[in-house]
PDB file of all heavy atoms in Angstrom:
ATOM      1  N   LEU A   1      76.591  57.771  96.591  1.00  0.00           N
ATOM      2  CA  LEU A   1      77.818  57.335  97.299  1.00  0.00           C
ATOM      3  C   LEU A   1      78.639  56.119  96.723  1.00  0.00           C
ATOM      4  O   LEU A   1      79.748  56.109  96.858  1.00  0.00           O
ATOM      5  CB  LEU A   1      77.290  56.970  98.799  1.00  0.00           C
ATOM      6  CG  LEU A   1      76.960  58.090  99.696  1.00  0.00           C
ATOM      7  CD1 LEU A   1      76.564  57.506 101.086  1.00  0.00           C
ATOM      8  CD2 LEU A   1      78.125  59.064  99.790  1.00  0.00           C
ATOM      9  N   LEU A   2      77.833  55.383  95.927  1.00  0.00           N
ATOM     10  CA  LEU A   2      78.544  54.285  95.219  1.00  0.00           C
ATOM     11  C   LEU A   2      79.484  54.834  94.244  1.00  0.00           C
ATOM     12  O   LEU A   2      80.487  54.095  93.859  1.00  0.00           O
ATOM     13  CB  LEU A   2      77.496  53.500  94.439  1.00  0.00           C
ATOM     14  CG  LEU A   2      76.448  52.731  95.303  1.00  0.00           C
ATOM     15  CD1 LEU A   2      75.368  52.007  94.543  1.00  0.00           C
ATOM     16  CD2 LEU A   2      77.064  51.760  96.304  1.00  0.00           C
ATOM     17  N   MET A   3      79.323  55.969  93.765  1.00  0.00           N
ATOM     18  CA  MET A   3      80.225  56.569  92.775  1.00  0.00           C
ATOM     19  C   MET A   3      81.396  57.362  93.314  1.00  0.00           C
ATOM     20  O   MET A   3      82.238  57.944  92.579  1.00  0.00           O
ATOM     21  CB  MET A   3      79.550  57.387  91.760  1.00  0.00           C
ATOM     22  CG  MET A   3      78.384  56.634  90.925  1.00  0.00           C
ATOM     23  SD  MET A   3      77.456  57.612  89.853  1.00  0.00           S
ATOM     24  CE  MET A   3      76.328  58.574  90.957  1.00  0.00           C
ATOM     25  N   VAL A   4      81.459  57.494  94.626  1.00  0.00           N
ATOM     26  CA  VAL A   4      82.550  58.283  95.251  1.00  0.00           C
ATOM     27  C   VAL A   4      83.785  57.361  95.660  1.00  0.00           C
ATOM     28  O   VAL A   4      83.594  56.374  96.412  1.00  0.00           O
ATOM     29  CB  VAL A   4      82.038  58.896  96.624  1.00  0.00           C
ATOM     30  CG1 VAL A   4      83.019  59.649  97.325  1.00  0.00           C
ATOM     31  CG2 VAL A   4      80.800  59.771  96.232  1.00  0.00           C
ATOM     32  N   PRO A   5      84.867  57.580  95.106  1.00  0.00           N
ATOM     33  CA  PRO A   5      86.020  56.811  95.398  1.00  0.00           C
ATOM     34  C   PRO A   5      86.448  56.890  96.884  1.00  0.00           C
ATOM     35  O   PRO A   5      86.244  57.960  97.434  1.00  0.00           O
ATOM     36  CB  PRO A   5      87.124  57.335  94.487  1.00  0.00           C
ATOM     37  CG  PRO A   5      86.412  58.183  93.408  1.00  0.00           C
ATOM     38  CD  PRO A   5      85.118  58.586  94.019  1.00  0.00           C
ATOM     39  N   PHE A   6      86.926  55.866  97.310  1.00  0.00           N
ATOM     40  CA  PHE A   6      87.266  55.783  98.696  1.00  0.00           C
ATOM     41  C   PHE A   6      88.538  56.682  99.081  1.00  0.00           C
ATOM     42  O   PHE A   6      88.534  57.395 100.191  1.00  0.00           O
ATOM     43  CB  PHE A   6      87.861  54.375  99.164  1.00  0.00           C
ATOM     44  CG  PHE A   6      88.338  54.273 100.597  1.00  0.00           C
ATOM     45  CD1 PHE A   6      87.486  54.385 101.629  1.00  0.00           C
ATOM     46  CD2 PHE A   6      89.729  54.053 100.744  1.00  0.00           C
ATOM     47  CE1 PHE A   6      87.948  54.330 102.969  1.00  0.00           C
ATOM     48  CE2 PHE A   6      90.145  53.942 101.998  1.00  0.00           C
ATOM     49  CZ  PHE A   6      89.275  54.033 103.116  1.00  0.00           C
ATOM     50  N   GLN A   7      89.318  57.000  98.112  1.00  0.00           N
ATOM     51  CA  GLN A   7      90.400  57.974  98.258  1.00  0.00           C
ATOM     52  C   GLN A   7      90.003  59.311  98.567  1.00  0.00           C
ATOM     53  O   GLN A   7      90.774  60.076  99.227  1.00  0.00           O
ATOM     54  CB  GLN A   7      91.455  57.848  97.171  1.00  0.00           C
ATOM     55  CG  GLN A   7      92.196  56.597  96.904  1.00  0.00           C
ATOM     56  CD  GLN A   7      91.359  55.561  96.262  1.00  0.00           C
ATOM     57  OE1 GLN A   7      90.199  55.697  95.901  1.00  0.00           O
ATOM     58  NE2 GLN A   7      91.866  54.294  96.266  1.00  0.00           N
ATOM     59  N   ILE A   8      88.889  59.619  98.146  1.00  0.00           N
ATOM     60  CA  ILE A   8      88.274  61.121  98.296  1.00  0.00           C
ATOM     61  C   ILE A   8      87.927  61.278  99.751  1.00  0.00           C
ATOM     62  O   ILE A   8      88.148  62.413 100.300  1.00  0.00           O
ATOM     63  CB  ILE A   8      87.078  61.386  97.381  1.00  0.00           C
ATOM     64  CG1 ILE A   8      87.564  61.486  95.987  1.00  0.00           C
ATOM     65  CG2 ILE A   8      86.422  62.617  97.846  1.00  0.00           C
ATOM     66  CD1 ILE A   8      86.478  61.636  94.964  1.00  0.00           C
ATOM     67  N   ILE A   9      87.378  60.332 100.459  1.00  0.00           N
ATOM     68  CA  ILE A   9      87.048  60.429 101.812  1.00  0.00           C
ATOM     69  C   ILE A   9      88.047  59.994 102.811  1.00  0.00           C
ATOM     70  O   ILE A   9      87.712  59.944 104.075  1.00  0.00           O
ATOM     71  CB  ILE A   9      85.666  59.717 102.174  1.00  0.00           C
ATOM     72  CG1 ILE A   9      85.969  58.125 101.918  1.00  0.00           C
ATOM     73  CG2 ILE A   9      84.521  60.215 101.178  1.00  0.00           C
ATOM     74  CD1 ILE A   9      84.657  57.244 102.400  1.00  0.00           C
ATOM     75  N   LEU A  10      89.202  59.557 102.339  1.00  0.00           N
ATOM     76  CA  LEU A  10      90.243  59.058 103.187  1.00  0.00           C
ATOM     77  C   LEU A  10      90.694  60.071 104.304  1.00  0.00           C
ATOM     78  O   LEU A  10      90.677  59.656 105.452  1.00  0.00           O
ATOM     79  CB  LEU A  10      91.444  58.601 102.362  1.00  0.00           C
ATOM     80  CG  LEU A  10      92.345  57.622 103.031  1.00  0.00           C
ATOM     81  CD1 LEU A  10      91.641  56.316 103.397  1.00  0.00           C
ATOM     82  CD2 LEU A  10      93.475  57.219 102.056  1.00  0.00           C
ATOM     83  N   VAL A  11      91.136  61.282 103.831  1.00  0.00           N
ATOM     84  CA  VAL A  11      91.515  62.239 104.884  1.00  0.00           C
ATOM     85  C   VAL A  11      90.491  62.636 105.727  1.00  0.00           C
ATOM     86  O   VAL A  11      90.575  62.635 107.008  1.00  0.00           O
ATOM     87  CB  VAL A  11      92.155  63.514 104.131  1.00  0.00           C
ATOM     88  CG1 VAL A  11      92.549  64.498 105.098  1.00  0.00           C
ATOM     89  CG2 VAL A  11      93.374  62.940 103.382  1.00  0.00           C
ATOM     90  N   PRO A  12      89.221  63.022 105.346  1.00  0.00           N
ATOM     91  CA  PRO A  12      88.116  63.376 106.253  1.00  0.00           C
ATOM     92  C   PRO A  12      87.861  62.286 107.253  1.00  0.00           C
ATOM     93  O   PRO A  12      87.622  62.450 108.487  1.00  0.00           O
ATOM     94  CB  PRO A  12      86.821  63.694 105.507  1.00  0.00           C
ATOM     95  CG  PRO A  12      87.524  64.019 104.083  1.00  0.00           C
ATOM     96  CD  PRO A  12      88.772  63.234 103.916  1.00  0.00           C
ATOM     97  N   LEU A  13      87.970  61.052 106.712  1.00  0.00           N
ATOM     98  CA  LEU A  13      87.601  59.811 107.653  1.00  0.00           C
ATOM     99  C   LEU A  13      88.709  59.722 108.699  1.00  0.00           C
ATOM    100  O   LEU A  13      88.412  59.415 109.830  1.00  0.00           O
ATOM    101  CB  LEU A  13      87.545  58.602 106.827  1.00  0.00           C
ATOM    102  CG  LEU A  13      87.024  57.266 107.562  1.00  0.00           C
ATOM    103  CD1 LEU A  13      85.691  57.471 108.217  1.00  0.00           C
ATOM    104  CD2 LEU A  13      87.167  56.103 106.596  1.00  0.00           C
ATOM    105  N   PHE A  14      89.918  60.011 108.304  1.00  0.00           N
ATOM    106  CA  PHE A  14      91.091  59.968 109.179  1.00  0.00           C
ATOM    107  C   PHE A  14      90.858  60.933 110.413  1.00  0.00           C
ATOM    108  O   PHE A  14      91.059  60.723 111.540  1.00  0.00           O
ATOM    109  CB  PHE A  14      92.369  60.211 108.617  1.00  0.00           C
ATOM    110  CG  PHE A  14      93.522  60.210 109.443  1.00  0.00           C
ATOM    111  CD1 PHE A  14      94.321  59.007 109.774  1.00  0.00           C
ATOM    112  CD2 PHE A  14      94.060  61.485 109.907  1.00  0.00           C
ATOM    113  CE1 PHE A  14      95.366  59.178 110.617  1.00  0.00           C
ATOM    114  CE2 PHE A  14      95.116  61.557 110.725  1.00  0.00           C
ATOM    115  CZ  PHE A  14      95.779  60.532 111.139  1.00  0.00           C
ATOM    116  N   LEU A  15      90.470  62.094 109.958  1.00  0.00           N
ATOM    117  CA  LEU A  15      90.238  63.237 110.975  1.00  0.00           C
ATOM    118  C   LEU A  15      89.121  62.913 111.909  1.00  0.00           C
ATOM    119  O   LEU A  15      89.155  63.285 113.063  1.00  0.00           O
ATOM    120  CB  LEU A  15      89.950  64.552 110.263  1.00  0.00           C
ATOM    121  CG  LEU A  15      91.154  65.114 109.392  1.00  0.00           C
ATOM    122  CD1 LEU A  15      90.771  66.381 108.703  1.00  0.00           C
ATOM    123  CD2 LEU A  15      92.458  65.394 110.159  1.00  0.00           C
ATOM    124  N   ILE A  16      88.065  62.296 111.380  1.00  0.00           N
ATOM    125  CA  ILE A  16      86.987  61.927 112.227  1.00  0.00           C
ATOM    126  C   ILE A  16      87.286  60.816 113.177  1.00  0.00           C
ATOM    127  O   ILE A  16      87.034  60.933 114.471  1.00  0.00           O
ATOM    128  CB  ILE A  16      85.764  61.417 111.342  1.00  0.00           C
ATOM    129  CG1 ILE A  16      85.186  62.529 110.486  1.00  0.00           C
ATOM    130  CG2 ILE A  16      84.614  60.698 112.214  1.00  0.00           C
ATOM    131  CD1 ILE A  16      84.083  62.058 109.538  1.00  0.00           C
ATOM    132  N   VAL A  17      88.068  59.740 112.709  1.00  0.00           N
ATOM    133  CA  VAL A  17      88.500  58.700 113.632  1.00  0.00           C
ATOM    134  C   VAL A  17      89.453  59.393 114.692  1.00  0.00           C
ATOM    135  O   VAL A  17      89.377  58.918 115.850  1.00  0.00           O
ATOM    136  CB  VAL A  17      89.237  57.749 112.842  1.00  0.00           C
ATOM    137  CG1 VAL A  17      89.948  56.679 113.654  1.00  0.00           C
ATOM    138  CG2 VAL A  17      88.206  56.989 111.981  1.00  0.00           C
ATOM    139  N   LYS A  18      90.241  60.294 114.389  1.00  0.00           N
ATOM    140  CA  LYS A  18      91.226  60.849 115.300  1.00  0.00           C
ATOM    141  C   LYS A  18      90.480  61.695 116.364  1.00  0.00           C
ATOM    142  O   LYS A  18      90.998  61.958 117.522  1.00  0.00           O
ATOM    143  CB  LYS A  18      92.195  61.720 114.515  1.00  0.00           C
ATOM    144  CG  LYS A  18      93.321  62.447 115.509  1.00  0.00           C
ATOM    145  CD  LYS A  18      94.282  63.165 114.670  1.00  0.00           C
ATOM    146  CE  LYS A  18      95.352  63.842 115.509  1.00  0.00           C
ATOM    147  NZ  LYS A  18      94.808  64.727 116.569  1.00  0.00           N
ATOM    148  N   SER A  19      89.280  62.240 115.956  1.00  0.00           N
ATOM    149  CA  SER A  19      88.528  63.176 116.898  1.00  0.00           C
ATOM    150  C   SER A  19      87.361  62.511 117.578  1.00  0.00           C
ATOM    151  O   SER A  19      86.511  63.191 118.031  1.00  0.00           O
ATOM    152  CB  SER A  19      88.143  64.345 116.041  1.00  0.00           C
ATOM    153  OG  SER A  19      89.199  64.969 115.392  1.00  0.00           O
ATOM    154  N   VAL A  20      87.401  61.189 117.752  1.00  0.00           N
ATOM    155  CA  VAL A  20      86.355  60.516 118.393  1.00  0.00           C
ATOM    156  C   VAL A  20      86.405  60.883 119.946  1.00  0.00           C
ATOM    157  O   VAL A  20      87.393  60.735 120.468  1.00  0.00           O
ATOM    158  CB  VAL A  20      86.400  58.974 118.299  1.00  0.00           C
ATOM    159  CG1 VAL A  20      85.330  58.355 119.121  1.00  0.00           C
ATOM    160  CG2 VAL A  20      86.148  58.662 116.727  1.00  0.00           C
ATOM    161  N   PRO A  21      85.328  61.445 120.538  1.00  0.00           N
ATOM    162  CA  PRO A  21      85.390  61.947 121.861  1.00  0.00           C
ATOM    163  C   PRO A  21      85.569  60.733 122.855  1.00  0.00           C
ATOM    164  O   PRO A  21      85.061  59.563 122.717  1.00  0.00           O
ATOM    165  CB  PRO A  21      83.997  62.597 122.151  1.00  0.00           C
ATOM    166  CG  PRO A  21      83.507  62.941 120.731  1.00  0.00           C
ATOM    167  CD  PRO A  21      84.024  61.823 119.922  1.00  0.00           C
ATOM    168  N   LEU A  22      86.386  61.041 123.944  1.00  0.00           N
ATOM    169  CA  LEU A  22      86.484  60.249 125.087  1.00  0.00           C
ATOM    170  C   LEU A  22      87.220  58.901 124.719  1.00  0.00           C
ATOM    171  O   LEU A  22      87.101  57.905 125.446  1.00  0.00           O
ATOM    172  CB  LEU A  22      85.131  59.825 125.790  1.00  0.00           C
ATOM    173  CG  LEU A  22      84.357  61.142 126.151  1.00  0.00           C
ATOM    174  CD1 LEU A  22      83.000  60.590 126.819  1.00  0.00           C
ATOM    175  CD2 LEU A  22      85.015  61.915 127.163  1.00  0.00           C
ATOM    176  N   PHE A  23      87.962  58.818 123.679  1.00  0.00           N
ATOM    177  CA  PHE A  23      88.708  57.702 123.327  1.00  0.00           C
ATOM    178  C   PHE A  23      90.156  58.155 123.108  1.00  0.00           C
ATOM    179  O   PHE A  23      90.365  59.226 122.480  1.00  0.00           O
ATOM    180  CB  PHE A  23      88.179  56.947 122.050  1.00  0.00           C
ATOM    181  CG  PHE A  23      87.096  56.057 122.302  1.00  0.00           C
ATOM    182  CD1 PHE A  23      85.780  56.526 122.327  1.00  0.00           C
ATOM    183  CD2 PHE A  23      87.226  54.695 122.508  1.00  0.00           C
ATOM    184  CE1 PHE A  23      84.740  55.594 122.502  1.00  0.00           C
ATOM    185  CE2 PHE A  23      86.245  53.876 122.757  1.00  0.00           C
ATOM    186  CZ  PHE A  23      84.988  54.282 122.827  1.00  0.00           C
ATOM    187  N   GLY A  24      91.116  57.259 123.390  1.00  0.00           N
ATOM    188  CA  GLY A  24      92.576  57.742 123.040  1.00  0.00           C
ATOM    189  C   GLY A  24      93.030  58.978 123.665  1.00  0.00           C
ATOM    190  O   GLY A  24      93.853  59.545 123.037  1.00  0.00           O
ATOM    191  N   GLY A  25      92.559  59.255 124.832  1.00  0.00           N
ATOM    192  CA  GLY A  25      92.900  60.502 125.507  1.00  0.00           C
ATOM    193  C   GLY A  25      92.248  61.759 125.123  1.00  0.00           C
ATOM    194  O   GLY A  25      92.555  62.955 125.453  1.00  0.00           O
ATOM    195  N   ASN A  26      91.152  61.649 124.200  1.00  0.00           N
ATOM    196  CA  ASN A  26      90.428  62.799 123.886  1.00  0.00           C
ATOM    197  C   ASN A  26      89.508  63.246 124.833  1.00  0.00           C
ATOM    198  O   ASN A  26      88.957  62.433 125.739  1.00  0.00           O
ATOM    199  CB  ASN A  26      89.679  62.577 122.506  1.00  0.00           C
ATOM    200  CG  ASN A  26      90.493  62.473 121.271  1.00  0.00           C
ATOM    201  OD1 ASN A  26      91.678  63.135 121.259  1.00  0.00           O
ATOM    202  ND2 ASN A  26      89.982  62.028 120.205  1.00  0.00           N
ATOM    203  N   ASN A  27      89.124  64.579 124.932  1.00  0.00           N
ATOM    204  CA  ASN A  27      88.196  65.068 125.814  1.00  0.00           C
ATOM    205  C   ASN A  27      86.845  64.943 125.193  1.00  0.00           C
ATOM    206  O   ASN A  27      86.653  64.417 124.031  1.00  0.00           O
ATOM    207  CB  ASN A  27      88.503  66.570 126.175  1.00  0.00           C
ATOM    208  CG  ASN A  27      88.609  67.466 125.038  1.00  0.00           C
ATOM    209  OD1 ASN A  27      88.085  67.215 123.902  1.00  0.00           O
ATOM    210  ND2 ASN A  27      89.335  68.527 125.189  1.00  0.00           N
ATOM    211  N   ILE A  28      85.812  65.578 125.775  1.00  0.00           N
ATOM    212  CA  ILE A  28      84.438  65.418 125.278  1.00  0.00           C
ATOM    213  C   ILE A  28      84.261  66.131 123.919  1.00  0.00           C
ATOM    214  O   ILE A  28      83.342  65.778 123.151  1.00  0.00           O
ATOM    215  CB  ILE A  28      83.443  66.098 126.343  1.00  0.00           C
ATOM    216  CG1 ILE A  28      81.957  65.645 125.897  1.00  0.00           C
ATOM    217  CG2 ILE A  28      83.694  67.651 126.321  1.00  0.00           C
ATOM    218  CD1 ILE A  28      81.676  64.249 126.063  1.00  0.00           C
ATOM    219  N   LEU A  29      85.142  66.962 123.508  1.00  0.00           N
ATOM    220  CA  LEU A  29      85.154  67.679 122.272  1.00  0.00           C
ATOM    221  C   LEU A  29      85.964  66.902 121.279  1.00  0.00           C
ATOM    222  O   LEU A  29      86.160  67.423 120.184  1.00  0.00           O
ATOM    223  CB  LEU A  29      85.618  69.184 122.386  1.00  0.00           C
ATOM    224  CG  LEU A  29      84.793  69.960 123.384  1.00  0.00           C
ATOM    225  CD1 LEU A  29      85.496  71.446 123.465  1.00  0.00           C
ATOM    226  CD2 LEU A  29      83.320  70.134 122.897  1.00  0.00           C
ATOM    227  N   GLY A  30      86.582  65.970 121.606  1.00  0.00           N
ATOM    228  CA  GLY A  30      87.380  65.103 120.630  1.00  0.00           C
ATOM    229  C   GLY A  30      88.699  65.714 120.440  1.00  0.00           C
ATOM    230  O   GLY A  30      89.386  65.512 119.362  1.00  0.00           O
TER     231      GLY A  30
END
């Protein structure tokens, strides 16, 4: 993981943050 640039995980991380369940109006399924 030390060799993985942050830019590679930027979009997946954004989608994970957007789909956190029960936060920001999300349901249990995110």
